[in-house]
Structures are given as C-alpha cells and as structure tokens.
Amino acid sequence: MNRIGLIFSSLLVLLALASSTLFVVDQRQFGVVYALGQIKDVITEPGLNFKLPPPFQNVSYIDKRLLTLDSTDAEPMLTAEKQRVVIDWYVRWRITEPSEYIRNVGLNEGAGASQLNRVVRNAFQEEINKRTVKELLSLKREALMADVKAEVLDKVRGSKPWGVDVVDVRITRVDYVEAITESVYRRMEAERKRVANELRSTGAAEGEKIRADADRQREITIANAYRDAQKIKGEGDAEAARIYAESFGKDPQFAQFYRSLEAYKSTFANKSDVMVLDPNGSEFFKTFRNGGGSAPAAKK
C-alpha cells in the first residue's frame, strides 16, 4: 500500500514538474521568458514551448494585437489666435519589439498606453498652437494629424526605442470650451434671426411690389376695356342713328310711331309709376287712339 502511494505521489510530482516546464503561446500574444529576472527569450510564434521550472525561469505574455488608445483628458488647448478648444482623439498602436518595450516602457500594455497618452497630448498641443480654429475645422486637419503622428513616432523611436509602432492618429472632435461654445451658439442664433428677418422683409417688399404691379395692370386692363367698349358703343349708336335717320326720312309716320313707343317704354318702365291723364284729350295717347297712325297713301 505504501508502495502504491509512493508511486502515485511521484507521478503527481512529475506531472507538476512537467506542467511548470511547458507553456502555450497564443497567436495574439508574445511570450517572454525570464531567467532570474532577466529576459531570456521572446517567443513570437504560437504553439507549445518549454522552459525551466520556477524559480529558474518564468514566462509572461504581452498583447501583439493592434491596440486603441482614446483620449481621456478634457483640458483645453490654445490655438494660434489664443482660442481655447477641447479635442477628442484616438491612437492605433501595437507592440513590435517586446524586449525593448519591457526595458524602456513597462511590463504590460497599460504602461505603454499611459506614456503614449502623455506624448500624444504634448504633440497635439504643440501642433494646435501653430494653427487657427478655422484650420482645425478645414481640410488642413489631415495635415495636423500627420504632423502629430510624425512627432509621436520620432519620440517612440528615439535614443531609447519603445518597441512600439503607431499606426494611426485621428481627431474625432474639435470644440470650444463650454463657456465659449454657449457664446458662439448665441451669436449663431442672433445671426440666423437677423438673416430670417431680412428675408421676411425682402419677401414682404417683393410681395407689395407684385401686388402693386398687379393692381396697376388690372386698372390698365379695365381702362382699356372701358375705352374699347365705349368706342364700340359709340360706333353702334352712330350706326343706329344713321339707320334711324334713313328710316325716318323714308317714312315720317313710322318715325312718329317709333318715337311714341320709345316714350311709352320710358314712361312705363317702373310698375309703381302712376299717371293721371285724359286719354281722350291728351296728345300723349294719340298714337293709341289713331291705332298706330294713318297708313301711308297707296301709290298709283
């Protein structure tokens, strides 16, 4: 029984010893092997690897993927015209040389992110000091980001390389500080109201002009129509007078009869009119009494 227990215990010790000498490096990581606190080896390829058991050798892992660093500092920066602006930015970076990174930066990704944040902010401050707000909001923003990236790369590749690569630097937002932003919004609102009032005034003036022109055109059209109507009416009256004159000259009795009918029509136009006349002695009804007047004598 004691012999079986000894064998079992020995197997457990051997398994523990074997597990302490084996380690797996993921494809997303670097494996760094330390020997008594010094970097012994850097494993860049994924797979199963061997090392001496602790405390002779230890292993740690560093991320080899593309990392993103977002700005966390809301402190304003001064532009060339001394305007205070707040910018948001992000940086895409990765660790390329684990040995240099560990010696000059730190043991994990957080140490590099902290120092990179400081370097990027200083680079942005230096470049923004050279530019105006208009340039920050125009196409020159691309040049700004390129200059910041160049400065950051120059810093991390200096006399003590960080072992990192900065892939991209981007600005996501440029804005005034809150106090200035409120003032800018008020000025923009006032300007928009001024433009709106100007457009309303211009529209009202144009409307009055159009209405006045329409009224003038209406008066002209009515006047021309009245003139043409009077002209036509005058021509008609002249033609009627000519026809009447010809007819009256040919037959005087017909002329007297026609005038009497016109007189009757004008006199009895209103049903409420009342006339008191002697039908036997009045000349007014002579035409009625004569039965329309004497007929003209027949020609022989």
Protein backbone atom coordinates (compact mmCIF):
# COMPACT_ATOMS: atom_id res chain seq x y z
CA MET A 1 0.00 0.00 0.00
CA ASN A 2 2.79 2.39 0.88
CA ARG A 3 4.49 1.49 -2.37
CA ILE A 4 1.40 2.42 -4.44
CA GLY A 5 1.09 5.71 -2.60
CA LEU A 6 4.75 6.49 -3.26
CA ILE A 7 4.33 5.76 -6.96
CA PHE A 8 1.20 7.94 -7.10
CA SER A 9 2.93 10.79 -5.30
CA SER A 10 5.93 10.54 -7.59
CA LEU A 11 3.64 10.73 -10.64
CA LEU A 12 1.97 13.85 -9.25
CA VAL A 13 5.33 15.48 -8.68
CA LEU A 14 6.45 14.61 -12.19
CA LEU A 15 3.21 15.99 -13.66
CA ALA A 16 3.57 19.20 -11.69
CA LEU A 17 7.19 19.50 -12.77
CA ALA A 18 6.24 18.88 -16.41
CA SER A 19 3.41 21.41 -16.30
CA SER A 20 5.80 24.03 -14.91
CA THR A 21 8.17 23.48 -17.83
CA LEU A 22 5.51 23.64 -20.57
CA PHE A 23 3.66 26.77 -21.71
CA VAL A 24 1.48 27.72 -24.67
CA VAL A 25 1.83 30.99 -26.58
CA ASP A 26 -1.40 32.24 -28.16
CA GLN A 27 -1.29 33.69 -31.69
CA ARG A 28 -2.45 37.04 -30.24
CA GLN A 29 0.44 37.27 -27.77
CA PHE A 30 4.19 37.41 -27.32
CA GLY A 31 5.67 35.00 -24.80
CA VAL A 32 8.55 36.48 -22.76
CA VAL A 33 10.74 34.02 -20.84
CA TYR A 34 12.63 35.41 -17.82
CA ALA A 35 15.66 33.75 -16.22
CA LEU A 36 16.36 35.12 -12.73
CA GLY A 37 14.66 38.43 -13.62
CA GLN A 38 16.38 38.88 -16.98
CA ILE A 39 14.79 38.41 -20.38
CA LYS A 40 15.97 35.03 -21.62
CA ASP A 41 13.88 34.61 -24.77
CA VAL A 42 10.93 36.12 -26.63
CA ILE A 43 8.50 33.70 -28.31
CA THR A 44 6.80 35.34 -31.29
CA GLU A 45 5.21 32.26 -32.90
CA PRO A 46 2.17 30.50 -31.39
CA GLY A 47 2.50 26.95 -30.07
CA LEU A 48 3.77 24.74 -27.23
CA ASN A 49 7.13 25.70 -25.72
CA PHE A 50 9.49 24.54 -22.97
CA LYS A 51 11.28 26.34 -20.14
CA LEU A 52 12.96 25.56 -16.84
CA PRO A 53 10.66 25.25 -13.86
CA PRO A 54 10.33 28.20 -11.46
CA PRO A 55 12.22 29.88 -9.92
CA PHE A 56 14.81 29.31 -12.63
CA GLN A 57 12.61 30.59 -15.44
CA ASN A 58 9.22 32.31 -15.62
CA VAL A 59 7.03 33.39 -18.53
CA SER A 60 4.77 36.42 -19.08
CA TYR A 61 2.61 37.46 -22.01
CA ILE A 62 2.26 40.75 -23.91
CA ASP A 63 -0.53 41.52 -26.40
CA LYS A 64 0.66 41.71 -30.01
CA ARG A 65 -2.67 42.90 -31.48
CA LEU A 66 -3.48 46.40 -32.74
CA LEU A 67 -4.47 48.44 -29.68
CA THR A 68 -6.59 51.60 -29.41
CA LEU A 69 -5.81 54.47 -27.08
CA ASP A 70 -8.64 57.00 -26.60
CA SER A 71 -8.11 60.45 -25.15
CA THR A 72 -9.25 60.85 -21.56
CA ASP A 73 -8.04 64.38 -20.88
CA ALA A 74 -10.57 67.20 -21.32
CA GLU A 75 -8.11 70.02 -20.64
CA PRO A 76 -8.42 72.83 -23.25
CA MET A 77 -5.62 73.71 -25.65
CA LEU A 78 -4.73 77.11 -27.09
CA THR A 79 -4.84 77.77 -30.84
CA ALA A 80 -2.70 80.27 -32.74
CA GLU A 81 -5.28 83.03 -32.10
CA LYS A 82 -5.38 82.12 -28.37
CA GLN A 83 -8.75 80.40 -28.55
CA ARG A 84 -9.32 77.62 -26.04
CA VAL A 85 -10.51 74.40 -27.67
CA VAL A 86 -11.11 70.85 -26.50
CA ILE A 87 -10.27 67.95 -28.80
CA ASP A 88 -11.01 64.23 -28.68
CA TRP A 89 -8.59 61.88 -30.39
CA TYR A 90 -7.55 58.25 -30.58
CA VAL A 91 -4.36 56.39 -31.50
CA ARG A 92 -3.96 52.93 -33.04
CA TRP A 93 -0.71 51.32 -31.92
CA ARG A 94 0.91 47.92 -31.34
CA ILE A 95 3.93 46.41 -29.60
CA THR A 96 6.52 45.23 -32.14
CA GLU A 97 9.66 44.60 -30.03
CA PRO A 98 8.76 43.08 -26.64
CA SER A 99 12.33 43.25 -25.33
CA GLU A 100 12.70 46.97 -25.97
CA TYR A 101 9.19 47.59 -24.70
CA ILE A 102 9.83 45.84 -21.38
CA ARG A 103 13.21 47.53 -20.86
CA ASN A 104 12.13 51.08 -21.74
CA VAL A 105 8.38 51.23 -21.10
CA GLY A 106 6.92 48.61 -18.78
CA LEU A 107 5.76 45.07 -18.26
CA ASN A 108 2.23 45.40 -19.65
CA GLU A 109 0.16 47.28 -22.18
CA GLY A 110 -1.17 49.73 -19.60
CA ALA A 111 2.29 51.21 -19.02
CA GLY A 112 2.72 51.92 -22.73
CA ALA A 113 -0.79 53.41 -23.03
CA SER A 114 -0.11 55.77 -20.11
CA GLN A 115 3.15 57.08 -21.53
CA LEU A 116 1.81 57.21 -25.08
CA ASN A 117 -1.15 59.29 -23.89
CA ARG A 118 1.23 61.91 -22.49
CA VAL A 119 3.35 62.01 -25.66
CA VAL A 120 0.33 62.29 -27.98
CA ARG A 121 -1.25 65.07 -25.93
CA ASN A 122 2.00 67.08 -25.93
CA ALA A 123 2.29 66.63 -29.70
CA PHE A 124 -1.29 67.81 -30.22
CA GLN A 125 -0.71 70.84 -28.00
CA GLU A 126 2.39 71.81 -29.97
CA GLU A 127 0.70 71.48 -33.34
CA ILE A 128 -2.55 73.18 -32.32
CA ASN A 129 -0.57 76.17 -31.05
CA LYS A 130 0.55 76.68 -34.68
CA ARG A 131 -2.94 76.59 -36.21
CA THR A 132 -6.16 78.58 -36.10
CA VAL A 133 -9.61 77.22 -35.32
CA LYS A 134 -10.55 77.53 -38.99
CA GLU A 135 -7.62 75.34 -39.97
CA LEU A 136 -8.60 72.75 -37.35
CA LEU A 137 -12.08 72.51 -38.90
CA SER A 138 -10.94 72.51 -42.54
CA LEU A 139 -9.11 70.04 -44.73
CA LYS A 140 -5.86 71.05 -43.00
CA ARG A 141 -6.90 68.77 -40.16
CA GLU A 142 -5.36 65.89 -42.09
CA ALA A 143 -2.01 67.68 -42.12
CA LEU A 144 -2.32 68.25 -38.38
CA MET A 145 -2.87 64.55 -37.67
CA ALA A 146 0.02 63.59 -39.95
CA ASP A 147 2.34 66.00 -38.13
CA VAL A 148 1.26 64.67 -34.72
CA LYS A 149 1.85 61.09 -35.87
CA ALA A 150 5.34 62.03 -37.12
CA GLU A 151 6.21 63.66 -33.79
CA VAL A 152 4.96 60.66 -31.80
CA LEU A 153 6.89 58.22 -33.99
CA ASP A 154 10.02 60.34 -33.60
CA LYS A 155 9.60 60.17 -29.83
CA VAL A 156 8.99 56.41 -29.56
CA ARG A 157 11.84 55.65 -31.97
CA GLY A 158 14.34 57.92 -30.23
CA SER A 159 17.53 57.08 -28.38
CA LYS A 160 15.60 54.64 -26.19
CA PRO A 161 13.13 52.93 -28.55
CA TRP A 162 9.83 51.90 -27.03
CA GLY A 163 9.46 48.88 -29.29
CA VAL A 164 6.06 50.07 -30.48
CA ASP A 165 4.61 51.22 -33.79
CA VAL A 166 2.00 54.00 -34.08
CA VAL A 167 -0.29 53.08 -36.97
CA ASP A 168 -2.72 56.00 -36.96
CA VAL A 169 -3.63 59.20 -35.12
CA ARG A 170 -7.12 60.64 -35.54
CA ILE A 171 -9.13 63.60 -34.24
CA THR A 172 -12.77 62.77 -33.56
CA ARG A 173 -13.99 66.13 -32.24
CA VAL A 174 -12.88 69.75 -32.06
CA ASP A 175 -14.97 72.10 -29.93
CA TYR A 176 -14.71 75.28 -27.94
CA VAL A 177 -14.76 75.12 -24.18
CA GLU A 178 -18.26 75.20 -22.71
CA ALA A 179 -18.35 78.93 -21.92
CA ILE A 180 -17.18 79.90 -25.40
CA THR A 181 -19.49 77.34 -27.02
CA GLU A 182 -22.53 78.92 -25.38
CA SER A 183 -21.45 82.36 -26.59
CA VAL A 184 -20.88 81.04 -30.12
CA TYR A 185 -24.33 79.42 -30.13
CA ARG A 186 -25.92 82.71 -29.06
CA ARG A 187 -24.10 84.61 -31.82
CA MET A 188 -25.13 81.98 -34.36
CA GLU A 189 -28.74 82.19 -33.20
CA ALA A 190 -28.71 86.00 -33.42
CA GLU A 191 -27.20 85.85 -36.90
CA ARG A 192 -29.78 83.34 -38.09
CA LYS A 193 -32.59 85.51 -36.70
CA ARG A 194 -31.12 88.56 -38.46
CA VAL A 195 -30.98 86.70 -41.76
CA ALA A 196 -34.53 85.38 -41.26
CA ASN A 197 -35.87 88.88 -40.53
CA GLU A 198 -34.02 90.25 -43.55
CA LEU A 199 -35.53 87.56 -45.76
CA ARG A 200 -39.01 88.24 -44.35
CA SER A 201 -38.60 91.99 -45.00
CA THR A 202 -37.36 91.36 -48.52
CA GLY A 203 -40.25 88.97 -49.14
CA ALA A 204 -42.80 91.46 -47.81
CA ALA A 205 -41.36 94.23 -50.01
CA GLU A 206 -41.42 91.94 -53.06
CA GLY A 207 -44.99 90.96 -52.21
CA GLU A 208 -46.10 94.59 -52.03
CA LYS A 209 -44.32 95.30 -55.30
CA ILE A 210 -46.04 92.37 -57.01
CA ARG A 211 -49.47 93.35 -55.62
CA ALA A 212 -48.98 96.98 -56.69
CA ASP A 213 -47.98 95.87 -60.18
CA ALA A 214 -50.99 93.55 -60.35
CA ASP A 215 -53.33 96.37 -59.27
CA ARG A 216 -51.80 98.66 -61.88
CA GLN A 217 -52.20 96.03 -64.56
CA ARG A 218 -55.82 95.49 -63.50
CA GLU A 219 -56.61 99.20 -63.69
CA ILE A 220 -54.95 99.45 -67.09
CA THR A 221 -56.88 96.42 -68.35
CA ILE A 222 -60.20 97.79 -67.05
CA ALA A 223 -59.50 101.22 -68.54
CA ASN A 224 -58.60 99.72 -71.91
CA ALA A 225 -61.70 97.53 -71.85
CA TYR A 226 -63.92 100.51 -70.95
CA ARG A 227 -62.33 102.57 -73.72
CA ASP A 228 -62.88 99.81 -76.27
CA ALA A 229 -66.44 99.28 -75.02
CA GLN A 230 -67.26 102.99 -75.30
CA LYS A 231 -65.73 103.09 -78.74
CA ILE A 232 -67.79 100.11 -79.86
CA LYS A 233 -70.88 101.55 -78.21
CA GLY A 234 -70.32 104.90 -79.93
CA GLU A 235 -69.89 103.19 -83.25
CA GLY A 236 -73.08 101.22 -82.62
CA ASP A 237 -75.01 104.34 -81.63
CA ALA A 238 -73.77 106.14 -84.73
CA GLU A 239 -74.77 103.25 -86.92
CA ALA A 240 -78.18 103.06 -85.22
CA ALA A 241 -78.67 106.81 -85.63
CA ARG A 242 -77.80 106.51 -89.31
CA ILE A 243 -80.25 103.67 -89.79
CA TYR A 244 -82.92 105.55 -87.84
CA ALA A 245 -82.31 108.66 -89.92
CA GLU A 246 -82.62 106.72 -93.16
CA SER A 247 -85.78 105.00 -91.93
CA PHE A 248 -87.33 108.19 -90.55
CA GLY A 249 -86.61 110.04 -93.82
CA LYS A 250 -88.35 107.37 -95.84
CA ASP A 251 -91.46 107.14 -93.61
CA PRO A 252 -92.27 110.08 -91.25
CA GLN A 253 -95.32 108.31 -89.84
CA PHE A 254 -93.15 105.34 -88.81
CA ALA A 255 -90.76 107.76 -87.17
CA GLN A 256 -93.57 109.34 -85.17
CA PHE A 257 -94.85 105.91 -84.21
CA TYR A 258 -91.37 104.73 -83.12
CA ARG A 259 -90.82 107.83 -81.01
CA SER A 260 -94.20 107.36 -79.33
CA LEU A 261 -93.32 103.74 -78.48
CA GLU A 262 -89.99 104.85 -77.03
CA ALA A 263 -91.79 107.48 -74.94
CA TYR A 264 -94.28 104.87 -73.68
CA LYS A 265 -91.48 102.46 -72.82
CA SER A 266 -89.56 105.07 -70.84
CA THR A 267 -92.71 106.29 -69.08
CA PHE A 268 -93.95 102.87 -68.03
CA ALA A 269 -90.58 101.36 -67.14
CA ASN A 270 -91.39 101.21 -63.43
CA LYS A 271 -94.51 99.33 -62.41
CA SER A 272 -95.07 101.63 -59.46
CA ASP A 273 -95.36 104.77 -61.64
CA VAL A 274 -98.85 106.36 -61.71
CA MET A 275 -100.01 108.85 -64.37
CA VAL A 276 -103.31 110.76 -64.33
CA LEU A 277 -104.18 111.80 -67.90
CA ASP A 278 -107.23 112.36 -70.03
CA PRO A 279 -106.98 109.66 -72.65
CA ASN A 280 -109.45 111.48 -74.93
CA GLY A 281 -107.85 114.90 -74.86
CA SER A 282 -104.20 114.06 -74.22
CA GLU A 283 -101.75 114.14 -77.08
CA PHE A 284 -99.67 111.51 -75.24
CA PHE A 285 -102.04 108.70 -76.22
CA LYS A 286 -102.72 109.98 -79.70
CA THR A 287 -100.92 107.05 -81.22
CA PHE A 288 -103.15 104.59 -79.34
CA ARG A 289 -106.28 106.46 -80.35
CA ASN A 290 -105.28 106.52 -84.03
CA GLY A 291 -104.45 102.80 -83.99
CA GLY A 292 -100.79 103.34 -84.73
CA GLY A 293 -101.24 106.32 -87.05
CA SER A 294 -102.66 106.71 -90.53
CA ALA A 295 -101.41 104.38 -93.12
CA PRO A 296 -99.46 105.91 -95.89
CA ALA A 297 -101.41 106.56 -99.12
CA ALA A 298 -101.04 103.95 -101.78
CA LYS A 299 -99.05 104.98 -104.77
CA LYS A 300 -100.70 104.89 -108.14
